[in-house]
Amino acid sequence: MQPDYSMNPIPVIAVFDVGKTNKKLFLFDESYNIVFERSASLMRSLTKTVSPARIWMR
């Protein structure tokens, strides 16, 4: 069973993996367990017209 972090904020380490077509975000707790992850896959032509920062702002 995974801990419920929704009500109690915890310190995390954010890791961004930004490639040409795949973008990933991982949040790790102090014990290096993944507490959140999100990925986005984009067509290469889209990455030329859209700022990578806008991908995460949805």
PDB file of N, CA and C in Angstrom:
ATOM      1  N   MET A   1       0.839  -1.183   0.000  1.00  0.00           N
ATOM      2  CA  MET A   1       0.000   0.000   0.000  1.00  0.00           C
ATOM      3  C   MET A   1       0.882   1.243   0.000  1.00  0.00           C
ATOM      4  N   GLN A   2       0.543   2.184  -0.848  1.00  0.00           N
ATOM      5  CA  GLN A   2       1.334   3.413  -0.948  1.00  0.00           C
ATOM      6  C   GLN A   2       0.839   4.456   0.042  1.00  0.00           C
ATOM      7  N   PRO A   3       1.737   5.272   0.586  1.00  0.00           N
ATOM      8  CA  PRO A   3       1.322   6.321   1.518  1.00  0.00           C
ATOM      9  C   PRO A   3       0.451   7.359   0.806  1.00  0.00           C
ATOM     10  N   ASP A   4      -0.459   7.971   1.559  1.00  0.00           N
ATOM     11  CA  ASP A   4      -1.315   9.027   1.015  1.00  0.00           C
ATOM     12  C   ASP A   4      -0.691  10.377   1.333  1.00  0.00           C
ATOM     13  N   TYR A   5      -0.153  11.044   0.314  1.00  0.00           N
ATOM     14  CA  TYR A   5       0.499  12.341   0.496  1.00  0.00           C
ATOM     15  C   TYR A   5      -0.416  13.506   0.153  1.00  0.00           C
ATOM     16  N   SER A   6      -1.675  13.248  -0.167  1.00  0.00           N
ATOM     17  CA  SER A   6      -2.559  14.294  -0.655  1.00  0.00           C
ATOM     18  C   SER A   6      -2.872  15.361   0.394  1.00  0.00           C
ATOM     19  N   MET A   7      -2.888  15.010   1.657  1.00  0.00           N
ATOM     20  CA  MET A   7      -3.249  15.971   2.690  1.00  0.00           C
ATOM     21  C   MET A   7      -2.049  16.534   3.445  1.00  0.00           C
ATOM     22  N   ASN A   8      -0.921  15.867   3.396  1.00  0.00           N
ATOM     23  CA  ASN A   8       0.255  16.309   4.131  1.00  0.00           C
ATOM     24  C   ASN A   8       1.396  16.588   3.165  1.00  0.00           C
ATOM     25  N   PRO A   9       1.729  17.870   2.944  1.00  0.00           N
ATOM     26  CA  PRO A   9       2.842  18.182   2.042  1.00  0.00           C
ATOM     27  C   PRO A   9       4.141  17.567   2.556  1.00  0.00           C
ATOM     28  N   ILE A  10       4.953  17.085   1.642  1.00  0.00           N
ATOM     29  CA  ILE A  10       6.250  16.508   1.997  1.00  0.00           C
ATOM     30  C   ILE A  10       7.309  17.113   1.081  1.00  0.00           C
ATOM     31  N   PRO A  11       8.558  17.160   1.530  1.00  0.00           N
ATOM     32  CA  PRO A  11       9.629  17.624   0.647  1.00  0.00           C
ATOM     33  C   PRO A  11       9.858  16.589  -0.460  1.00  0.00           C
ATOM     34  N   VAL A  12      10.073  17.067  -1.666  1.00  0.00           N
ATOM     35  CA  VAL A  12      10.318  16.165  -2.795  1.00  0.00           C
ATOM     36  C   VAL A  12      11.488  16.667  -3.628  1.00  0.00           C
ATOM     37  N   ILE A  13      12.007  15.766  -4.427  1.00  0.00           N
ATOM     38  CA  ILE A  13      13.033  16.087  -5.419  1.00  0.00           C
ATOM     39  C   ILE A  13      12.361  15.945  -6.774  1.00  0.00           C
ATOM     40  N   ALA A  14      12.424  16.979  -7.605  1.00  0.00           N
ATOM     41  CA  ALA A  14      11.817  16.939  -8.941  1.00  0.00           C
ATOM     42  C   ALA A  14      12.893  16.625  -9.969  1.00  0.00           C
ATOM     43  N   VAL A  15      12.590  15.677 -10.849  1.00  0.00           N
ATOM     44  CA  VAL A  15      13.499  15.313 -11.933  1.00  0.00           C
ATOM     45  C   VAL A  15      12.738  15.430 -13.243  1.00  0.00           C
ATOM     46  N   PHE A  16      13.249  16.257 -14.154  1.00  0.00           N
ATOM     47  CA  PHE A  16      12.676  16.410 -15.485  1.00  0.00           C
ATOM     48  C   PHE A  16      13.550  15.664 -16.477  1.00  0.00           C
ATOM     49  N   ASP A  17      12.930  14.884 -17.330  1.00  0.00           N
ATOM     50  CA  ASP A  17      13.622  14.200 -18.421  1.00  0.00           C
ATOM     51  C   ASP A  17      13.006  14.735 -19.706  1.00  0.00           C
ATOM     52  N   VAL A  18      13.729  15.618 -20.373  1.00  0.00           N
ATOM     53  CA  VAL A  18      13.194  16.266 -21.561  1.00  0.00           C
ATOM     54  C   VAL A  18      13.956  15.785 -22.777  1.00  0.00           C
ATOM     55  N   GLY A  19      13.279  15.008 -23.604  1.00  0.00           N
ATOM     56  CA  GLY A  19      13.850  14.533 -24.852  1.00  0.00           C
ATOM     57  C   GLY A  19      13.201  15.259 -26.017  1.00  0.00           C
ATOM     58  N   LYS A  20      13.503  14.820 -27.228  1.00  0.00           N
ATOM     59  CA  LYS A  20      12.939  15.486 -28.410  1.00  0.00           C
ATOM     60  C   LYS A  20      11.448  15.242 -28.562  1.00  0.00           C
ATOM     61  N   THR A  21      10.967  14.055 -28.199  1.00  0.00           N
ATOM     62  CA  THR A  21       9.541  13.764 -28.358  1.00  0.00           C
ATOM     63  C   THR A  21       8.859  13.351 -27.068  1.00  0.00           C
ATOM     64  N   ASN A  22       9.592  12.967 -26.052  1.00  0.00           N
ATOM     65  CA  ASN A  22       9.000  12.549 -24.778  1.00  0.00           C
ATOM     66  C   ASN A  22       9.490  13.441 -23.656  1.00  0.00           C
ATOM     67  N   LYS A  23       8.562  13.872 -22.830  1.00  0.00           N
ATOM     68  CA  LYS A  23       8.874  14.689 -21.658  1.00  0.00           C
ATOM     69  C   LYS A  23       8.358  13.943 -20.439  1.00  0.00           C
ATOM     70  N   LYS A  24       9.172  13.872 -19.372  1.00  0.00           N
ATOM     71  CA  LYS A  24       8.767  13.154 -18.161  1.00  0.00           C
ATOM     72  C   LYS A  24       9.092  13.991 -16.937  1.00  0.00           C
ATOM     73  N   LEU A  25       8.238  13.873 -15.930  1.00  0.00           N
ATOM     74  CA  LEU A  25       8.447  14.514 -14.640  1.00  0.00           C
ATOM     75  C   LEU A  25       8.286  13.459 -13.567  1.00  0.00           C
ATOM     76  N   PHE A  26       9.248  13.377 -12.664  1.00  0.00           N
ATOM     77  CA  PHE A  26       9.190  12.460 -11.532  1.00  0.00           C
ATOM     78  C   PHE A  26       9.386  13.269 -10.253  1.00  0.00           C
ATOM     79  N   LEU A  27       8.615  12.955  -9.214  1.00  0.00           N
ATOM     80  CA  LEU A  27       8.820  13.516  -7.886  1.00  0.00           C
ATOM     81  C   LEU A  27       9.187  12.377  -6.949  1.00  0.00           C
ATOM     82  N   PHE A  28      10.313  12.537  -6.244  1.00  0.00           N
ATOM     83  CA  PHE A  28      10.805  11.528  -5.306  1.00  0.00           C
ATOM     84  C   PHE A  28      10.705  12.070  -3.891  1.00  0.00           C
ATOM     85  N   ASP A  29      10.362  11.192  -2.936  1.00  0.00           N
ATOM     86  CA  ASP A  29      10.369  11.597  -1.530  1.00  0.00           C
ATOM     87  C   ASP A  29      11.790  11.471  -0.976  1.00  0.00           C
ATOM     88  N   GLU A  30      11.942  11.705   0.315  1.00  0.00           N
ATOM     89  CA  GLU A  30      13.273  11.687   0.930  1.00  0.00           C
ATOM     90  C   GLU A  30      13.930  10.317   0.918  1.00  0.00           C
ATOM     91  N   SER A  31      13.134   9.257   0.727  1.00  0.00           N
ATOM     92  CA  SER A  31      13.680   7.892   0.644  1.00  0.00           C
ATOM     93  C   SER A  31      13.856   7.447  -0.799  1.00  0.00           C
ATOM     94  N   TYR A  32      13.752   8.387  -1.714  1.00  0.00           N
ATOM     95  CA  TYR A  32      13.905   8.152  -3.158  1.00  0.00           C
ATOM     96  C   TYR A  32      12.835   7.228  -3.739  1.00  0.00           C
ATOM     97  N   ASN A  33      11.643   7.254  -3.145  1.00  0.00           N
ATOM     98  CA  ASN A  33      10.498   6.550  -3.716  1.00  0.00           C
ATOM     99  C   ASN A  33       9.763   7.518  -4.634  1.00  0.00           C
ATOM    100  N   ILE A  34       9.296   7.037  -5.765  1.00  0.00           N
ATOM    101  CA  ILE A  34       8.526   7.892  -6.679  1.00  0.00           C
ATOM    102  C   ILE A  34       7.151   8.125  -6.060  1.00  0.00           C
ATOM    103  N   VAL A  35       6.808   9.405  -5.853  1.00  0.00           N
ATOM    104  CA  VAL A  35       5.494   9.741  -5.300  1.00  0.00           C
ATOM    105  C   VAL A  35       4.574  10.328  -6.365  1.00  0.00           C
ATOM    106  N   PHE A  36       5.139  10.721  -7.508  1.00  0.00           N
ATOM    107  CA  PHE A  36       4.334  11.259  -8.604  1.00  0.00           C
ATOM    108  C   PHE A  36       5.138  11.129  -9.889  1.00  0.00           C
ATOM    109  N   GLU A  37       4.444  10.825 -10.970  1.00  0.00           N
ATOM    110  CA  GLU A  37       5.108  10.843 -12.275  1.00  0.00           C
ATOM    111  C   GLU A  37       4.103  11.213 -13.341  1.00  0.00           C
ATOM    112  N   ARG A  38       4.591  11.910 -14.351  1.00  0.00           N
ATOM    113  CA  ARG A  38       3.764  12.298 -15.489  1.00  0.00           C
ATOM    114  C   ARG A  38       4.644  12.294 -16.720  1.00  0.00           C
ATOM    115  N   SER A  39       4.075  11.879 -17.830  1.00  0.00           N
ATOM    116  CA  SER A  39       4.830  11.914 -19.076  1.00  0.00           C
ATOM    117  C   SER A  39       3.936  12.444 -20.176  1.00  0.00           C
ATOM    118  N   ALA A  40       4.557  13.045 -21.161  1.00  0.00           N
ATOM    119  CA  ALA A  40       3.856  13.567 -22.330  1.00  0.00           C
ATOM    120  C   ALA A  40       4.663  13.175 -23.555  1.00  0.00           C
ATOM    121  N   SER A  41       3.965  12.732 -24.557  1.00  0.00           N
ATOM    122  CA  SER A  41       4.607  12.338 -25.805  1.00  0.00           C
ATOM    123  C   SER A  41       4.099  13.265 -26.894  1.00  0.00           C
ATOM    124  N   LEU A  42       5.000  13.903 -27.594  1.00  0.00           N
ATOM    125  CA  LEU A  42       4.617  14.872 -28.608  1.00  0.00           C
ATOM    126  C   LEU A  42       5.218  14.516 -29.957  1.00  0.00           C
ATOM    127  N   MET A  43       4.492  14.895 -30.984  1.00  0.00           N
ATOM    128  CA  MET A  43       5.053  14.738 -32.328  1.00  0.00           C
ATOM    129  C   MET A  43       6.210  15.720 -32.472  1.00  0.00           C
ATOM    130  N   ARG A  44       7.207  15.347 -33.205  1.00  0.00           N
ATOM    131  CA  ARG A  44       8.392  16.189 -33.342  1.00  0.00           C
ATOM    132  C   ARG A  44       8.057  17.569 -33.911  1.00  0.00           C
ATOM    133  N   SER A  45       7.155  17.643 -34.871  1.00  0.00           N
ATOM    134  CA  SER A  45       6.815  18.943 -35.461  1.00  0.00           C
ATOM    135  C   SER A  45       6.164  19.860 -34.432  1.00  0.00           C
ATOM    136  N   LEU A  46       5.417  19.291 -33.475  1.00  0.00           N
ATOM    137  CA  LEU A  46       4.788  20.100 -32.444  1.00  0.00           C
ATOM    138  C   LEU A  46       5.821  20.696 -31.503  1.00  0.00           C
ATOM    139  N   THR A  47       6.880  19.961 -31.207  1.00  0.00           N
ATOM    140  CA  THR A  47       7.893  20.462 -30.277  1.00  0.00           C
ATOM    141  C   THR A  47       8.639  21.667 -30.845  1.00  0.00           C
ATOM    142  N   LYS A  48       8.588  21.861 -32.154  1.00  0.00           N
ATOM    143  CA  LYS A  48       9.250  23.029 -32.741  1.00  0.00           C
ATOM    144  C   LYS A  48       8.407  24.290 -32.589  1.00  0.00           C
ATOM    145  N   THR A  49       7.076  24.142 -32.405  1.00  0.00           N
ATOM    146  CA  THR A  49       6.198  25.304 -32.340  1.00  0.00           C
ATOM    147  C   THR A  49       5.682  25.599 -30.937  1.00  0.00           C
ATOM    148  N   VAL A  50       5.775  24.640 -30.023  1.00  0.00           N
ATOM    149  CA  VAL A  50       5.256  24.813 -28.668  1.00  0.00           C
ATOM    150  C   VAL A  50       6.414  24.786 -27.677  1.00  0.00           C
ATOM    151  N   SER A  51       6.441  25.761 -26.797  1.00  0.00           N
ATOM    152  CA  SER A  51       7.478  25.805 -25.766  1.00  0.00           C
ATOM    153  C   SER A  51       7.359  24.589 -24.852  1.00  0.00           C
ATOM    154  N   PRO A  52       8.471  23.909 -24.543  1.00  0.00           N
ATOM    155  CA  PRO A  52       8.411  22.755 -23.633  1.00  0.00           C
ATOM    156  C   PRO A  52       7.789  23.094 -22.280  1.00  0.00           C
ATOM    157  N   ALA A  53       7.946  24.332 -21.819  1.00  0.00           N
ATOM    158  CA  ALA A  53       7.358  24.716 -20.545  1.00  0.00           C
ATOM    159  C   ALA A  53       5.834  24.674 -20.599  1.00  0.00           C
ATOM    160  N   ARG A  54       5.249  24.981 -21.736  1.00  0.00           N
ATOM    161  CA  ARG A  54       3.783  24.970 -21.871  1.00  0.00           C
ATOM    162  C   ARG A  54       3.202  23.565 -21.783  1.00  0.00           C
ATOM    163  N   ILE A  55       3.995  22.543 -22.073  1.00  0.00           N
ATOM    164  CA  ILE A  55       3.516  21.166 -22.013  1.00  0.00           C
ATOM    165  C   ILE A  55       3.079  20.830 -20.597  1.00  0.00           C
ATOM    166  N   TRP A  56       3.805  21.337 -19.590  1.00  0.00           N
ATOM    167  CA  TRP A  56       3.517  20.993 -18.193  1.00  0.00           C
ATOM    168  C   TRP A  56       2.461  21.894 -17.582  1.00  0.00           C
ATOM    169  N   MET A  57       2.095  22.952 -18.274  1.00  0.00           N
ATOM    170  CA  MET A  57       1.147  23.921 -17.715  1.00  0.00           C
ATOM    171  C   MET A  57      -0.287  23.601 -18.124  1.00  0.00           C
ATOM    172  N   ARG A  58      -0.714  22.380 -17.967  1.00  0.00           N
ATOM    173  CA  ARG A  58      -2.097  22.056 -18.281  1.00  0.00           C
ATOM    174  C   ARG A  58      -2.856  21.630 -17.077  1.00  0.00           C
TER     175      ARG A  58
END
